[in-house]
Amino acid sequence: MTIHAVNTLEIKAAAGFEGSFHSHLVELVTALKGSPGCLSYDVTRSSQQENVWLVTGLWTSETAMQQHICSQDFGLMIWSLGCGAFSVRFACFLPNAVEAGHGA
């Protein structure tokens, strides 16, 4: 599998929401794993900040990633996180093609 595009979300949960926030986030990301062109969609909790999570999507193409970002499912995910998130930072980039599971 070759990775052609990556999107990330860094999400900081609001005080008092940390407990239920992670399970809700995992549920949302699991639903997005079936998106066309998705190689992987994962949630990782920060090892340095208890209430921060990183969501990473790996894509077969820039087009697949853009279609996902513009999709209703992605919009609903962002909207549903709004009530429990203190902040959300979004980024996407196009690495030189990298084989999934093999570092650059």
N, C-alpha and C. Protein backbone atom coordinates (compact mmCIF):
# COMPACT_ATOMS: atom_id res chain seq x y z
N MET A 1 0.84 -1.18 0.00
CA MET A 1 0.00 0.00 0.00
C MET A 1 0.89 1.24 0.00
N THR A 2 0.63 2.12 -0.91
CA THR A 2 1.39 3.36 -0.98
C THR A 2 0.54 4.51 -0.46
N ILE A 3 1.12 5.29 0.45
CA ILE A 3 0.45 6.45 1.04
C ILE A 3 0.75 7.66 0.17
N HIS A 4 -0.29 8.31 -0.34
CA HIS A 4 -0.12 9.50 -1.16
C HIS A 4 -0.63 10.77 -0.49
N ALA A 5 -1.41 10.63 0.59
CA ALA A 5 -1.95 11.80 1.28
C ALA A 5 -2.24 11.43 2.73
N VAL A 6 -2.13 12.44 3.61
CA VAL A 6 -2.34 12.25 5.04
C VAL A 6 -3.16 13.42 5.58
N ASN A 7 -4.16 13.11 6.42
CA ASN A 7 -4.85 14.17 7.15
C ASN A 7 -4.73 13.88 8.64
N THR A 8 -4.62 14.95 9.42
CA THR A 8 -4.52 14.81 10.87
C THR A 8 -5.45 15.79 11.56
N LEU A 9 -5.93 15.37 12.70
CA LEU A 9 -6.70 16.22 13.61
C LEU A 9 -6.06 16.09 14.98
N GLU A 10 -5.72 17.19 15.61
CA GLU A 10 -5.30 17.18 16.99
C GLU A 10 -6.46 17.75 17.78
N ILE A 11 -6.98 16.94 18.70
CA ILE A 11 -8.20 17.31 19.40
C ILE A 11 -7.93 17.35 20.90
N LYS A 12 -8.27 18.46 21.50
CA LYS A 12 -8.14 18.63 22.95
C LYS A 12 -9.54 18.61 23.55
N ALA A 13 -9.78 17.65 24.42
CA ALA A 13 -11.10 17.52 25.04
C ALA A 13 -11.29 18.61 26.09
N ALA A 14 -12.52 19.08 26.19
CA ALA A 14 -12.88 20.06 27.22
C ALA A 14 -12.84 19.40 28.59
N ALA A 15 -12.56 20.18 29.60
CA ALA A 15 -12.54 19.67 30.97
C ALA A 15 -13.86 18.98 31.30
N GLY A 16 -13.76 17.80 31.89
CA GLY A 16 -14.95 17.05 32.27
C GLY A 16 -15.45 16.09 31.20
N PHE A 17 -14.91 16.18 29.98
CA PHE A 17 -15.35 15.30 28.89
C PHE A 17 -14.35 14.19 28.57
N GLU A 18 -13.18 14.20 29.23
CA GLU A 18 -12.11 13.28 28.87
C GLU A 18 -12.54 11.81 28.88
N GLY A 19 -13.31 11.41 29.89
CA GLY A 19 -13.69 10.01 30.04
C GLY A 19 -14.48 9.45 28.88
N SER A 20 -15.54 10.10 28.50
CA SER A 20 -16.40 9.60 27.43
C SER A 20 -15.91 10.01 26.05
N PHE A 21 -15.05 10.99 26.00
CA PHE A 21 -14.62 11.55 24.72
C PHE A 21 -13.86 10.53 23.88
N HIS A 22 -12.94 9.79 24.50
CA HIS A 22 -12.13 8.83 23.76
C HIS A 22 -12.98 7.76 23.09
N SER A 23 -13.91 7.17 23.82
CA SER A 23 -14.74 6.11 23.24
C SER A 23 -15.60 6.66 22.11
N HIS A 24 -16.10 7.87 22.25
CA HIS A 24 -16.89 8.50 21.19
C HIS A 24 -16.02 8.74 19.95
N LEU A 25 -14.81 9.20 20.17
CA LEU A 25 -13.89 9.46 19.07
C LEU A 25 -13.53 8.17 18.32
N VAL A 26 -13.25 7.12 19.05
CA VAL A 26 -12.94 5.82 18.42
C VAL A 26 -14.12 5.33 17.59
N GLU A 27 -15.31 5.48 18.10
CA GLU A 27 -16.52 5.09 17.38
C GLU A 27 -16.65 5.85 16.05
N LEU A 28 -16.41 7.16 16.09
CA LEU A 28 -16.50 7.97 14.87
C LEU A 28 -15.44 7.57 13.86
N VAL A 29 -14.21 7.38 14.32
CA VAL A 29 -13.11 7.04 13.41
C VAL A 29 -13.31 5.65 12.81
N THR A 30 -13.83 4.72 13.58
CA THR A 30 -14.09 3.38 13.06
C THR A 30 -15.05 3.43 11.88
N ALA A 31 -16.04 4.29 11.96
CA ALA A 31 -17.01 4.44 10.88
C ALA A 31 -16.36 5.03 9.62
N LEU A 32 -15.32 5.85 9.79
CA LEU A 32 -14.67 6.50 8.64
C LEU A 32 -13.65 5.60 7.94
N LYS A 33 -13.24 4.50 8.58
CA LYS A 33 -12.24 3.62 7.98
C LYS A 33 -12.69 3.02 6.65
N GLY A 34 -13.97 2.96 6.41
CA GLY A 34 -14.49 2.41 5.17
C GLY A 34 -14.58 3.41 4.04
N SER A 35 -14.10 4.63 4.25
CA SER A 35 -14.17 5.66 3.20
C SER A 35 -13.35 5.23 1.99
N PRO A 36 -13.85 5.51 0.78
CA PRO A 36 -13.11 5.13 -0.44
C PRO A 36 -11.70 5.72 -0.44
N GLY A 37 -10.72 4.87 -0.69
CA GLY A 37 -9.33 5.31 -0.76
C GLY A 37 -8.62 5.39 0.58
N CYS A 38 -9.31 5.02 1.66
CA CYS A 38 -8.72 5.08 3.00
C CYS A 38 -7.86 3.85 3.25
N LEU A 39 -6.59 4.07 3.58
CA LEU A 39 -5.69 2.98 3.93
C LEU A 39 -5.73 2.71 5.43
N SER A 40 -5.93 3.77 6.20
CA SER A 40 -5.93 3.65 7.65
C SER A 40 -6.54 4.92 8.25
N TYR A 41 -7.22 4.74 9.37
CA TYR A 41 -7.74 5.87 10.15
C TYR A 41 -7.59 5.46 11.60
N ASP A 42 -6.79 6.18 12.36
CA ASP A 42 -6.49 5.76 13.72
C ASP A 42 -6.56 6.92 14.71
N VAL A 43 -6.79 6.55 15.97
CA VAL A 43 -6.80 7.49 17.09
C VAL A 43 -5.66 7.12 18.02
N THR A 44 -4.85 8.12 18.38
CA THR A 44 -3.76 7.92 19.32
C THR A 44 -3.86 8.97 20.41
N ARG A 45 -3.82 8.52 21.65
CA ARG A 45 -3.86 9.46 22.77
C ARG A 45 -2.45 10.00 23.01
N SER A 46 -2.35 11.28 23.27
CA SER A 46 -1.06 11.90 23.54
C SER A 46 -0.42 11.28 24.78
N SER A 47 0.87 11.04 24.70
CA SER A 47 1.59 10.52 25.86
C SER A 47 2.00 11.64 26.79
N GLN A 48 1.85 12.88 26.34
CA GLN A 48 2.28 14.03 27.14
C GLN A 48 1.13 14.84 27.73
N GLN A 49 -0.03 14.77 27.12
CA GLN A 49 -1.19 15.51 27.60
C GLN A 49 -2.39 14.57 27.67
N GLU A 50 -2.93 14.43 28.88
CA GLU A 50 -4.01 13.47 29.12
C GLU A 50 -5.25 13.68 28.27
N ASN A 51 -5.58 14.89 27.95
CA ASN A 51 -6.84 15.18 27.26
C ASN A 51 -6.65 15.54 25.78
N VAL A 52 -5.57 15.06 25.17
CA VAL A 52 -5.30 15.36 23.75
C VAL A 52 -5.19 14.06 22.97
N TRP A 53 -5.85 14.03 21.80
CA TRP A 53 -5.82 12.89 20.90
C TRP A 53 -5.40 13.34 19.51
N LEU A 54 -4.73 12.46 18.78
CA LEU A 54 -4.36 12.71 17.40
C LEU A 54 -5.09 11.68 16.53
N VAL A 55 -5.82 12.17 15.55
CA VAL A 55 -6.52 11.31 14.59
C VAL A 55 -5.78 11.44 13.27
N THR A 56 -5.40 10.31 12.69
CA THR A 56 -4.62 10.31 11.45
C THR A 56 -5.30 9.44 10.40
N GLY A 57 -5.48 10.00 9.20
CA GLY A 57 -6.01 9.26 8.06
C GLY A 57 -4.95 9.16 6.98
N LEU A 58 -4.75 7.97 6.45
CA LEU A 58 -3.80 7.73 5.36
C LEU A 58 -4.59 7.36 4.11
N TRP A 59 -4.19 7.94 2.96
CA TRP A 59 -5.00 7.85 1.75
C TRP A 59 -4.22 7.40 0.53
N THR A 60 -4.93 6.72 -0.37
CA THR A 60 -4.32 6.24 -1.61
C THR A 60 -4.04 7.36 -2.60
N SER A 61 -4.74 8.51 -2.43
CA SER A 61 -4.54 9.63 -3.34
C SER A 61 -5.00 10.93 -2.69
N GLU A 62 -4.51 12.03 -3.22
CA GLU A 62 -4.94 13.34 -2.77
C GLU A 62 -6.44 13.51 -3.03
N THR A 63 -6.90 13.02 -4.16
CA THR A 63 -8.31 13.13 -4.51
C THR A 63 -9.20 12.41 -3.48
N ALA A 64 -8.80 11.20 -3.09
CA ALA A 64 -9.57 10.44 -2.10
C ALA A 64 -9.63 11.19 -0.78
N MET A 65 -8.50 11.78 -0.37
CA MET A 65 -8.48 12.55 0.88
C MET A 65 -9.38 13.78 0.78
N GLN A 66 -9.29 14.50 -0.33
CA GLN A 66 -10.11 15.70 -0.50
C GLN A 66 -11.60 15.36 -0.52
N GLN A 67 -11.95 14.28 -1.19
CA GLN A 67 -13.36 13.86 -1.20
C GLN A 67 -13.83 13.52 0.21
N HIS A 68 -12.98 12.89 0.98
CA HIS A 68 -13.31 12.55 2.36
C HIS A 68 -13.51 13.82 3.19
N ILE A 69 -12.58 14.76 3.08
CA ILE A 69 -12.66 16.00 3.85
C ILE A 69 -13.92 16.79 3.51
N CYS A 70 -14.35 16.70 2.28
CA CYS A 70 -15.56 17.41 1.84
C CYS A 70 -16.84 16.60 2.06
N SER A 71 -16.70 15.39 2.58
CA SER A 71 -17.87 14.52 2.74
C SER A 71 -18.74 14.91 3.93
N GLN A 72 -19.97 14.51 3.86
CA GLN A 72 -20.91 14.73 4.95
C GLN A 72 -20.45 13.99 6.20
N ASP A 73 -19.91 12.78 6.05
CA ASP A 73 -19.46 12.00 7.20
C ASP A 73 -18.36 12.72 7.98
N PHE A 74 -17.39 13.30 7.27
CA PHE A 74 -16.32 14.03 7.94
C PHE A 74 -16.89 15.27 8.64
N GLY A 75 -17.75 15.98 7.96
CA GLY A 75 -18.38 17.16 8.55
C GLY A 75 -19.17 16.82 9.80
N LEU A 76 -19.88 15.71 9.77
CA LEU A 76 -20.65 15.28 10.95
C LEU A 76 -19.73 14.90 12.10
N MET A 77 -18.57 14.30 11.78
CA MET A 77 -17.61 13.96 12.82
C MET A 77 -17.12 15.23 13.51
N ILE A 78 -16.72 16.22 12.72
CA ILE A 78 -16.24 17.48 13.30
C ILE A 78 -17.34 18.14 14.12
N TRP A 79 -18.54 18.16 13.58
CA TRP A 79 -19.66 18.77 14.30
C TRP A 79 -19.93 18.05 15.62
N SER A 80 -19.93 16.73 15.60
CA SER A 80 -20.25 15.98 16.82
C SER A 80 -19.15 16.10 17.87
N LEU A 81 -17.92 16.36 17.45
CA LEU A 81 -16.84 16.56 18.41
C LEU A 81 -16.94 17.92 19.08
N GLY A 82 -17.60 18.85 18.44
CA GLY A 82 -17.67 20.21 18.94
C GLY A 82 -18.18 20.35 20.35
N CYS A 83 -19.10 19.51 20.76
CA CYS A 83 -19.67 19.66 22.11
C CYS A 83 -18.72 19.17 23.19
N GLY A 84 -17.76 18.33 22.85
CA GLY A 84 -16.83 17.82 23.87
C GLY A 84 -15.40 18.26 23.68
N ALA A 85 -15.14 19.02 22.61
CA ALA A 85 -13.77 19.43 22.32
C ALA A 85 -13.53 20.87 22.75
N PHE A 86 -12.37 21.08 23.30
CA PHE A 86 -11.95 22.44 23.64
C PHE A 86 -11.32 23.09 22.41
N SER A 87 -10.56 22.28 21.65
CA SER A 87 -9.96 22.79 20.42
C SER A 87 -9.71 21.65 19.45
N VAL A 88 -9.72 21.98 18.17
CA VAL A 88 -9.44 21.03 17.10
C VAL A 88 -8.50 21.71 16.11
N ARG A 89 -7.37 21.07 15.82
CA ARG A 89 -6.46 21.58 14.80
C ARG A 89 -6.40 20.55 13.68
N PHE A 90 -6.54 21.04 12.46
CA PHE A 90 -6.59 20.18 11.29
C PHE A 90 -5.38 20.46 10.39
N ALA A 91 -4.84 19.40 9.79
CA ALA A 91 -3.75 19.56 8.82
C ALA A 91 -3.84 18.43 7.81
N CYS A 92 -3.33 18.68 6.62
CA CYS A 92 -3.19 17.61 5.64
C CYS A 92 -1.92 17.89 4.85
N PHE A 93 -1.32 16.82 4.35
CA PHE A 93 -0.12 16.99 3.55
C PHE A 93 0.02 15.83 2.59
N LEU A 94 0.88 16.04 1.61
CA LEU A 94 1.12 15.06 0.55
C LEU A 94 2.59 14.63 0.62
N PRO A 95 2.88 13.53 1.32
CA PRO A 95 4.26 13.09 1.43
C PRO A 95 4.72 12.49 0.10
N ASN A 96 6.03 12.38 -0.05
CA ASN A 96 6.50 11.57 -1.15
C ASN A 96 5.91 10.20 -0.90
N ALA A 97 5.54 9.50 -1.93
CA ALA A 97 4.88 8.21 -1.76
C ALA A 97 5.67 7.32 -0.81
N VAL A 98 4.99 6.80 0.20
CA VAL A 98 5.61 5.96 1.22
C VAL A 98 4.79 4.68 1.32
N GLU A 99 5.48 3.55 1.39
CA GLU A 99 4.78 2.29 1.59
C GLU A 99 4.22 2.26 3.00
N ALA A 100 2.94 1.96 3.16
CA ALA A 100 2.31 1.86 4.47
C ALA A 100 3.04 0.81 5.29
N GLY A 101 3.34 1.16 6.55
CA GLY A 101 4.05 0.23 7.42
C GLY A 101 5.55 0.32 7.30
N HIS A 102 6.04 1.17 6.40
CA HIS A 102 7.48 1.36 6.22
C HIS A 102 7.78 2.85 6.34
N GLY A 103 8.60 3.23 7.28
CA GLY A 103 8.96 4.64 7.46
C GLY A 103 9.74 5.17 6.30
N ALA A 104 9.72 6.50 6.16
CA ALA A 104 10.47 7.14 5.08
C ALA A 104 11.93 7.20 5.40
